Amino acid sequence: LHQALGVTSDEEIYDALYNGQSLAEVAA
């Protein structure tokens, strides 16, 4: 999932989701 989204940690995903971004927006 990190590779698919282009992130390096769960914290990056958590922070993005917490700030209202979707996984699609993180990937884009």
PDB file of all heavy atoms in Angstrom:
ATOM      1  N   LEU A   1       0.834  -1.200   0.000  1.00  0.00           N
ATOM      2  CA  LEU A   1       0.000   0.000   0.000  1.00  0.00           C
ATOM      3  C   LEU A   1       0.868   1.248   0.000  1.00  0.00           C
ATOM      4  O   LEU A   1       0.571   2.219  -0.697  1.00  0.00           O
ATOM      5  CB  LEU A   1      -0.958   0.011   1.191  1.00  0.00           C
ATOM      6  CG  LEU A   1      -1.898   1.207   1.270  1.00  0.00           C
ATOM      7  CD1 LEU A   1      -2.797   1.276   0.022  1.00  0.00           C
ATOM      8  CD2 LEU A   1      -2.744   1.159   2.521  1.00  0.00           C
ATOM      9  N   HIS A   2       1.946   1.226   0.758  1.00  0.00           N
ATOM     10  CA  HIS A   2       2.865   2.364   0.761  1.00  0.00           C
ATOM     11  C   HIS A   2       3.389   2.616  -0.652  1.00  0.00           C
ATOM     12  O   HIS A   2       3.456   3.761  -1.098  1.00  0.00           O
ATOM     13  CB  HIS A   2       4.046   2.111   1.705  1.00  0.00           C
ATOM     14  CG  HIS A   2       3.667   2.081   3.141  1.00  0.00           C
ATOM     15  ND1 HIS A   2       4.553   1.749   4.130  1.00  0.00           N
ATOM     16  CD2 HIS A   2       2.504   2.336   3.785  1.00  0.00           C
ATOM     17  CE1 HIS A   2       3.961   1.797   5.309  1.00  0.00           C
ATOM     18  NE2 HIS A   2       2.713   2.155   5.125  1.00  0.00           N
ATOM     19  N   GLN A   3       3.771   1.543  -1.333  1.00  0.00           N
ATOM     20  CA  GLN A   3       4.288   1.683  -2.687  1.00  0.00           C
ATOM     21  C   GLN A   3       3.220   2.230  -3.633  1.00  0.00           C
ATOM     22  O   GLN A   3       3.495   3.115  -4.447  1.00  0.00           O
ATOM     23  CB  GLN A   3       4.793   0.340  -3.206  1.00  0.00           C
ATOM     24  CG  GLN A   3       6.054  -0.127  -2.513  1.00  0.00           C
ATOM     25  CD  GLN A   3       6.489  -1.510  -2.961  1.00  0.00           C
ATOM     26  OE1 GLN A   3       5.780  -2.187  -3.691  1.00  0.00           O
ATOM     27  NE2 GLN A   3       7.666  -1.927  -2.523  1.00  0.00           N
ATOM     28  N   ALA A   4       2.006   1.695  -3.523  1.00  0.00           N
ATOM     29  CA  ALA A   4       0.929   2.144  -4.412  1.00  0.00           C
ATOM     30  C   ALA A   4       0.590   3.613  -4.194  1.00  0.00           C
ATOM     31  O   ALA A   4       0.251   4.325  -5.139  1.00  0.00           O
ATOM     32  CB  ALA A   4      -0.313   1.279  -4.215  1.00  0.00           C
ATOM     33  N   LEU A   5       0.679   4.069  -2.943  1.00  0.00           N
ATOM     34  CA  LEU A   5       0.357   5.465  -2.634  1.00  0.00           C
ATOM     35  C   LEU A   5       1.549   6.402  -2.795  1.00  0.00           C
ATOM     36  O   LEU A   5       1.382   7.612  -2.857  1.00  0.00           O
ATOM     37  CB  LEU A   5      -0.166   5.570  -1.196  1.00  0.00           C
ATOM     38  CG  LEU A   5      -1.543   4.996  -0.924  1.00  0.00           C
ATOM     39  CD1 LEU A   5      -1.830   4.976   0.570  1.00  0.00           C
ATOM     40  CD2 LEU A   5      -2.606   5.784  -1.661  1.00  0.00           C
ATOM     41  N   GLY A   6       2.759   5.845  -2.807  1.00  0.00           N
ATOM     42  CA  GLY A   6       3.956   6.668  -2.898  1.00  0.00           C
ATOM     43  C   GLY A   6       4.355   7.275  -1.573  1.00  0.00           C
ATOM     44  O   GLY A   6       4.966   8.342  -1.535  1.00  0.00           O
ATOM     45  N   VAL A   7       4.018   6.604  -0.465  1.00  0.00           N
ATOM     46  CA  VAL A   7       4.392   7.083   0.871  1.00  0.00           C
ATOM     47  C   VAL A   7       5.402   6.118   1.468  1.00  0.00           C
ATOM     48  O   VAL A   7       5.615   5.017   0.964  1.00  0.00           O
ATOM     49  CB  VAL A   7       3.159   7.205   1.797  1.00  0.00           C
ATOM     50  CG1 VAL A   7       2.162   8.212   1.244  1.00  0.00           C
ATOM     51  CG2 VAL A   7       2.499   5.869   2.033  1.00  0.00           C
ATOM     52  N   THR A   8       6.004   6.540   2.583  1.00  0.00           N
ATOM     53  CA  THR A   8       7.011   5.691   3.212  1.00  0.00           C
ATOM     54  C   THR A   8       6.584   5.152   4.573  1.00  0.00           C
ATOM     55  O   THR A   8       7.272   4.305   5.131  1.00  0.00           O
ATOM     56  CB  THR A   8       8.331   6.465   3.392  1.00  0.00           C
ATOM     57  OG1 THR A   8       8.079   7.640   4.165  1.00  0.00           O
ATOM     58  CG2 THR A   8       8.932   6.843   2.048  1.00  0.00           C
ATOM     59  N   SER A   9       5.467   5.641   5.097  1.00  0.00           N
ATOM     60  CA  SER A   9       5.068   5.178   6.431  1.00  0.00           C
ATOM     61  C   SER A   9       3.559   5.257   6.619  1.00  0.00           C
ATOM     62  O   SER A   9       2.863   5.971   5.890  1.00  0.00           O
ATOM     63  CB  SER A   9       5.750   6.029   7.507  1.00  0.00           C
ATOM     64  OG  SER A   9       5.222   7.342   7.500  1.00  0.00           O
ATOM     65  N   ASP A  10       3.105   4.524   7.618  1.00  0.00           N
ATOM     66  CA  ASP A  10       1.695   4.579   7.987  1.00  0.00           C
ATOM     67  C   ASP A  10       1.325   5.971   8.501  1.00  0.00           C
ATOM     68  O   ASP A  10       0.191   6.412   8.336  1.00  0.00           O
ATOM     69  CB  ASP A  10       1.382   3.549   9.084  1.00  0.00           C
ATOM     70  CG  ASP A  10       1.385   2.124   8.559  1.00  0.00           C
ATOM     71  OD1 ASP A  10       1.195   1.937   7.346  1.00  0.00           O
ATOM     72  OD2 ASP A  10       1.570   1.204   9.371  1.00  0.00           O
ATOM     73  N   GLU A  11       2.285   6.637   9.126  1.00  0.00           N
ATOM     74  CA  GLU A  11       2.016   7.972   9.663  1.00  0.00           C
ATOM     75  C   GLU A  11       1.631   8.956   8.569  1.00  0.00           C
ATOM     76  O   GLU A  11       0.761   9.799   8.767  1.00  0.00           O
ATOM     77  CB  GLU A  11       3.233   8.499  10.446  1.00  0.00           C
ATOM     78  CG  GLU A  11       3.469   7.807  11.771  1.00  0.00           C
ATOM     79  CD  GLU A  11       4.155   6.438  11.620  1.00  0.00           C
ATOM     80  OE1 GLU A  11       4.853   6.216  10.599  1.00  0.00           O
ATOM     81  OE2 GLU A  11       3.965   5.597  12.504  1.00  0.00           O
ATOM     82  N   GLU A  12       2.276   8.841   7.415  1.00  0.00           N
ATOM     83  CA  GLU A  12       1.928   9.727   6.296  1.00  0.00           C
ATOM     84  C   GLU A  12       0.482   9.499   5.865  1.00  0.00           C
ATOM     85  O   GLU A  12      -0.248  10.449   5.588  1.00  0.00           O
ATOM     86  CB  GLU A  12       2.858   9.491   5.103  1.00  0.00           C
ATOM     87  CG  GLU A  12       4.240  10.055   5.269  1.00  0.00           C
ATOM     88  CD  GLU A  12       5.079   9.838   4.021  1.00  0.00           C
ATOM     89  OE1 GLU A  12       4.777  10.484   2.994  1.00  0.00           O
ATOM     90  OE2 GLU A  12       6.000   9.011   4.077  1.00  0.00           O
ATOM     91  N   ILE A  13       0.090   8.235   5.805  1.00  0.00           N
ATOM     92  CA  ILE A  13      -1.290   7.904   5.424  1.00  0.00           C
ATOM     93  C   ILE A  13      -2.251   8.427   6.493  1.00  0.00           C
ATOM     94  O   ILE A  13      -3.251   9.070   6.177  1.00  0.00           O
ATOM     95  CB  ILE A  13      -1.462   6.386   5.240  1.00  0.00           C
ATOM     96  CG1 ILE A  13      -0.557   5.878   4.119  1.00  0.00           C
ATOM     97  CG2 ILE A  13      -2.916   6.043   4.944  1.00  0.00           C
ATOM     98  CD1 ILE A  13      -0.479   4.366   4.014  1.00  0.00           C
ATOM     99  N   TYR A  14      -1.929   8.154   7.743  1.00  0.00           N
ATOM    100  CA  TYR A  14      -2.783   8.587   8.849  1.00  0.00           C
ATOM    101  C   TYR A  14      -2.955  10.101   8.839  1.00  0.00           C
ATOM    102  O   TYR A  14      -4.072  10.606   8.950  1.00  0.00           O
ATOM    103  CB  TYR A  14      -2.181   8.132  10.190  1.00  0.00           C
ATOM    104  CG  TYR A  14      -2.932   8.650  11.381  1.00  0.00           C
ATOM    105  CD1 TYR A  14      -4.091   8.016  11.819  1.00  0.00           C
ATOM    106  CD2 TYR A  14      -2.507   9.786  12.054  1.00  0.00           C
ATOM    107  CE1 TYR A  14      -4.801   8.494  12.903  1.00  0.00           C
ATOM    108  CE2 TYR A  14      -3.215  10.277  13.141  1.00  0.00           C
ATOM    109  CZ  TYR A  14      -4.353   9.627  13.570  1.00  0.00           C
ATOM    110  OH  TYR A  14      -5.058  10.113  14.631  1.00  0.00           O
ATOM    111  N   ASP A  15      -1.839  10.822   8.703  1.00  0.00           N
ATOM    112  CA  ASP A  15      -1.909  12.288   8.710  1.00  0.00           C
ATOM    113  C   ASP A  15      -2.764  12.815   7.564  1.00  0.00           C
ATOM    114  O   ASP A  15      -3.559  13.735   7.740  1.00  0.00           O
ATOM    115  CB  ASP A  15      -0.497  12.896   8.634  1.00  0.00           C
ATOM    116  CG  ASP A  15       0.292  12.707   9.924  1.00  0.00           C
ATOM    117  OD1 ASP A  15      -0.325  12.435  10.977  1.00  0.00           O
ATOM    118  OD2 ASP A  15       1.534  12.822   9.862  1.00  0.00           O
ATOM    119  N   ALA A  16      -2.591  12.235   6.380  1.00  0.00           N
ATOM    120  CA  ALA A  16      -3.369  12.678   5.219  1.00  0.00           C
ATOM    121  C   ALA A  16      -4.856  12.422   5.437  1.00  0.00           C
ATOM    122  O   ALA A  16      -5.697  13.293   5.176  1.00  0.00           O
ATOM    123  CB  ALA A  16      -2.886  11.972   3.960  1.00  0.00           C
ATOM    124  N   LEU A  17      -5.192  11.226   5.924  1.00  0.00           N
ATOM    125  CA  LEU A  17      -6.602  10.910   6.176  1.00  0.00           C
ATOM    126  C   LEU A  17      -7.167  11.795   7.290  1.00  0.00           C
ATOM    127  O   LEU A  17      -8.304  12.260   7.210  1.00  0.00           O
ATOM    128  CB  LEU A  17      -6.760   9.434   6.537  1.00  0.00           C
ATOM    129  CG  LEU A  17      -6.421   8.439   5.418  1.00  0.00           C
ATOM    130  CD1 LEU A  17      -6.484   7.010   5.946  1.00  0.00           C
ATOM    131  CD2 LEU A  17      -7.346   8.607   4.235  1.00  0.00           C
ATOM    132  N   TYR A  18      -6.367  12.039   8.313  1.00  0.00           N
ATOM    133  CA  TYR A  18      -6.798  12.886   9.416  1.00  0.00           C
ATOM    134  C   TYR A  18      -7.077  14.307   8.926  1.00  0.00           C
ATOM    135  O   TYR A  18      -7.988  14.976   9.402  1.00  0.00           O
ATOM    136  CB  TYR A  18      -5.725  12.903  10.515  1.00  0.00           C
ATOM    137  CG  TYR A  18      -6.124  13.701  11.734  1.00  0.00           C
ATOM    138  CD1 TYR A  18      -7.000  13.174  12.670  1.00  0.00           C
ATOM    139  CD2 TYR A  18      -5.630  14.988  11.936  1.00  0.00           C
ATOM    140  CE1 TYR A  18      -7.376  13.894  13.789  1.00  0.00           C
ATOM    141  CE2 TYR A  18      -6.003  15.716  13.050  1.00  0.00           C
ATOM    142  CZ  TYR A  18      -6.876  15.164  13.977  1.00  0.00           C
ATOM    143  OH  TYR A  18      -7.249  15.898  15.079  1.00  0.00           O
ATOM    144  N   ASN A  19      -6.305  14.764   7.965  1.00  0.00           N
ATOM    145  CA  ASN A  19      -6.479  16.115   7.413  1.00  0.00           C
ATOM    146  C   ASN A  19      -7.535  16.174   6.319  1.00  0.00           C
ATOM    147  O   ASN A  19      -7.667  17.181   5.628  1.00  0.00           O
ATOM    148  CB  ASN A  19      -5.142  16.650   6.895  1.00  0.00           C
ATOM    149  CG  ASN A  19      -4.190  16.950   8.030  1.00  0.00           C
ATOM    150  OD1 ASN A  19      -4.598  17.439   9.078  1.00  0.00           O
ATOM    151  ND2 ASN A  19      -2.924  16.642   7.831  1.00  0.00           N
ATOM    152  N   GLY A  20      -8.295  15.094   6.138  1.00  0.00           N
ATOM    153  CA  GLY A  20      -9.428  15.118   5.229  1.00  0.00           C
ATOM    154  C   GLY A  20      -9.148  14.647   3.823  1.00  0.00           C
ATOM    155  O   GLY A  20     -10.039  14.689   2.967  1.00  0.00           O
ATOM    156  N   GLN A  21      -7.939  14.208   3.538  1.00  0.00           N
ATOM    157  CA  GLN A  21      -7.643  13.705   2.203  1.00  0.00           C
ATOM    158  C   GLN A  21      -8.144  12.284   2.063  1.00  0.00           C
ATOM    159  O   GLN A  21      -8.201  11.524   3.027  1.00  0.00           O
ATOM    160  CB  GLN A  21      -6.130  13.717   1.943  1.00  0.00           C
ATOM    161  CG  GLN A  21      -5.539  15.078   1.702  1.00  0.00           C
ATOM    162  CD  GLN A  21      -4.073  14.958   1.325  1.00  0.00           C
ATOM    163  OE1 GLN A  21      -3.297  14.360   2.053  1.00  0.00           O
ATOM    164  NE2 GLN A  21      -3.713  15.521   0.183  1.00  0.00           N
ATOM    165  N   SER A  22      -8.479  11.904   0.853  1.00  0.00           N
ATOM    166  CA  SER A  22      -8.818  10.517   0.568  1.00  0.00           C
ATOM    167  C   SER A  22      -7.549   9.806   0.111  1.00  0.00           C
ATOM    168  O   SER A  22      -6.546  10.450  -0.216  1.00  0.00           O
ATOM    169  CB  SER A  22      -9.872  10.447  -0.536  1.00  0.00           C
ATOM    170  OG  SER A  22      -9.323  10.900  -1.760  1.00  0.00           O
ATOM    171  N   LEU A  23      -7.606   8.479   0.051  1.00  0.00           N
ATOM    172  CA  LEU A  23      -6.458   7.738  -0.469  1.00  0.00           C
ATOM    173  C   LEU A  23      -6.203   8.104  -1.927  1.00  0.00           C
ATOM    174  O   LEU A  23      -5.055   8.149  -2.375  1.00  0.00           O
ATOM    175  CB  LEU A  23      -6.677   6.233  -0.322  1.00  0.00           C
ATOM    176  CG  LEU A  23      -6.674   5.695   1.106  1.00  0.00           C
ATOM    177  CD1 LEU A  23      -6.937   4.193   1.109  1.00  0.00           C
ATOM    178  CD2 LEU A  23      -5.372   6.008   1.813  1.00  0.00           C
ATOM    179  N   ALA A  24      -7.260   8.395  -2.666  1.00  0.00           N
ATOM    180  CA  ALA A  24      -7.117   8.807  -4.066  1.00  0.00           C
ATOM    181  C   ALA A  24      -6.342  10.126  -4.151  1.00  0.00           C
ATOM    182  O   ALA A  24      -5.475  10.288  -5.021  1.00  0.00           O
ATOM    183  CB  ALA A  24      -8.484   8.950  -4.720  1.00  0.00           C
ATOM    184  N   GLU A  25      -6.632  11.046  -3.246  1.00  0.00           N
ATOM    185  CA  GLU A  25      -5.926  12.333  -3.241  1.00  0.00           C
ATOM    186  C   GLU A  25      -4.467  12.164  -2.829  1.00  0.00           C
ATOM    187  O   GLU A  25      -3.583  12.834  -3.364  1.00  0.00           O
ATOM    188  CB  GLU A  25      -6.630  13.317  -2.313  1.00  0.00           C
ATOM    189  CG  GLU A  25      -7.988  13.751  -2.823  1.00  0.00           C
ATOM    190  CD  GLU A  25      -8.815  14.502  -1.798  1.00  0.00           C
ATOM    191  OE1 GLU A  25      -8.676  14.228  -0.578  1.00  0.00           O
ATOM    192  OE2 GLU A  25      -9.615  15.355  -2.225  1.00  0.00           O
ATOM    193  N   VAL A  26      -4.210  11.247  -1.890  1.00  0.00           N
ATOM    194  CA  VAL A  26      -2.830  10.969  -1.487  1.00  0.00           C
ATOM    195  C   VAL A  26      -2.061  10.425  -2.688  1.00  0.00           C
ATOM    196  O   VAL A  26      -0.943  10.870  -2.973  1.00  0.00           O
ATOM    197  CB  VAL A  26      -2.784   9.975  -0.305  1.00  0.00           C
ATOM    198  CG1 VAL A  26      -1.358   9.561  -0.003  1.00  0.00           C
ATOM    199  CG2 VAL A  26      -3.436  10.575   0.934  1.00  0.00           C
ATOM    200  N   ALA A  27      -2.643   9.456  -3.379  1.00  0.00           N
ATOM    201  CA  ALA A  27      -1.979   8.874  -4.549  1.00  0.00           C
ATOM    202  C   ALA A  27      -1.749   9.930  -5.629  1.00  0.00           C
ATOM    203  O   ALA A  27      -0.650  10.021  -6.192  1.00  0.00           O
ATOM    204  CB  ALA A  27      -2.814   7.727  -5.099  1.00  0.00           C
ATOM    205  N   ALA A  28      -2.753  10.743  -5.910  1.00  0.00           N
ATOM    206  CA  ALA A  28      -2.634  11.764  -6.954  1.00  0.00           C
ATOM    207  C   ALA A  28      -1.567  12.797  -6.609  1.00  0.00           C
ATOM    208  O   ALA A  28      -0.822  13.247  -7.491  1.00  0.00           O
ATOM    209  CB  ALA A  28      -3.978  12.447  -7.173  1.00  0.00           C
TER     210      ALA A  28
END
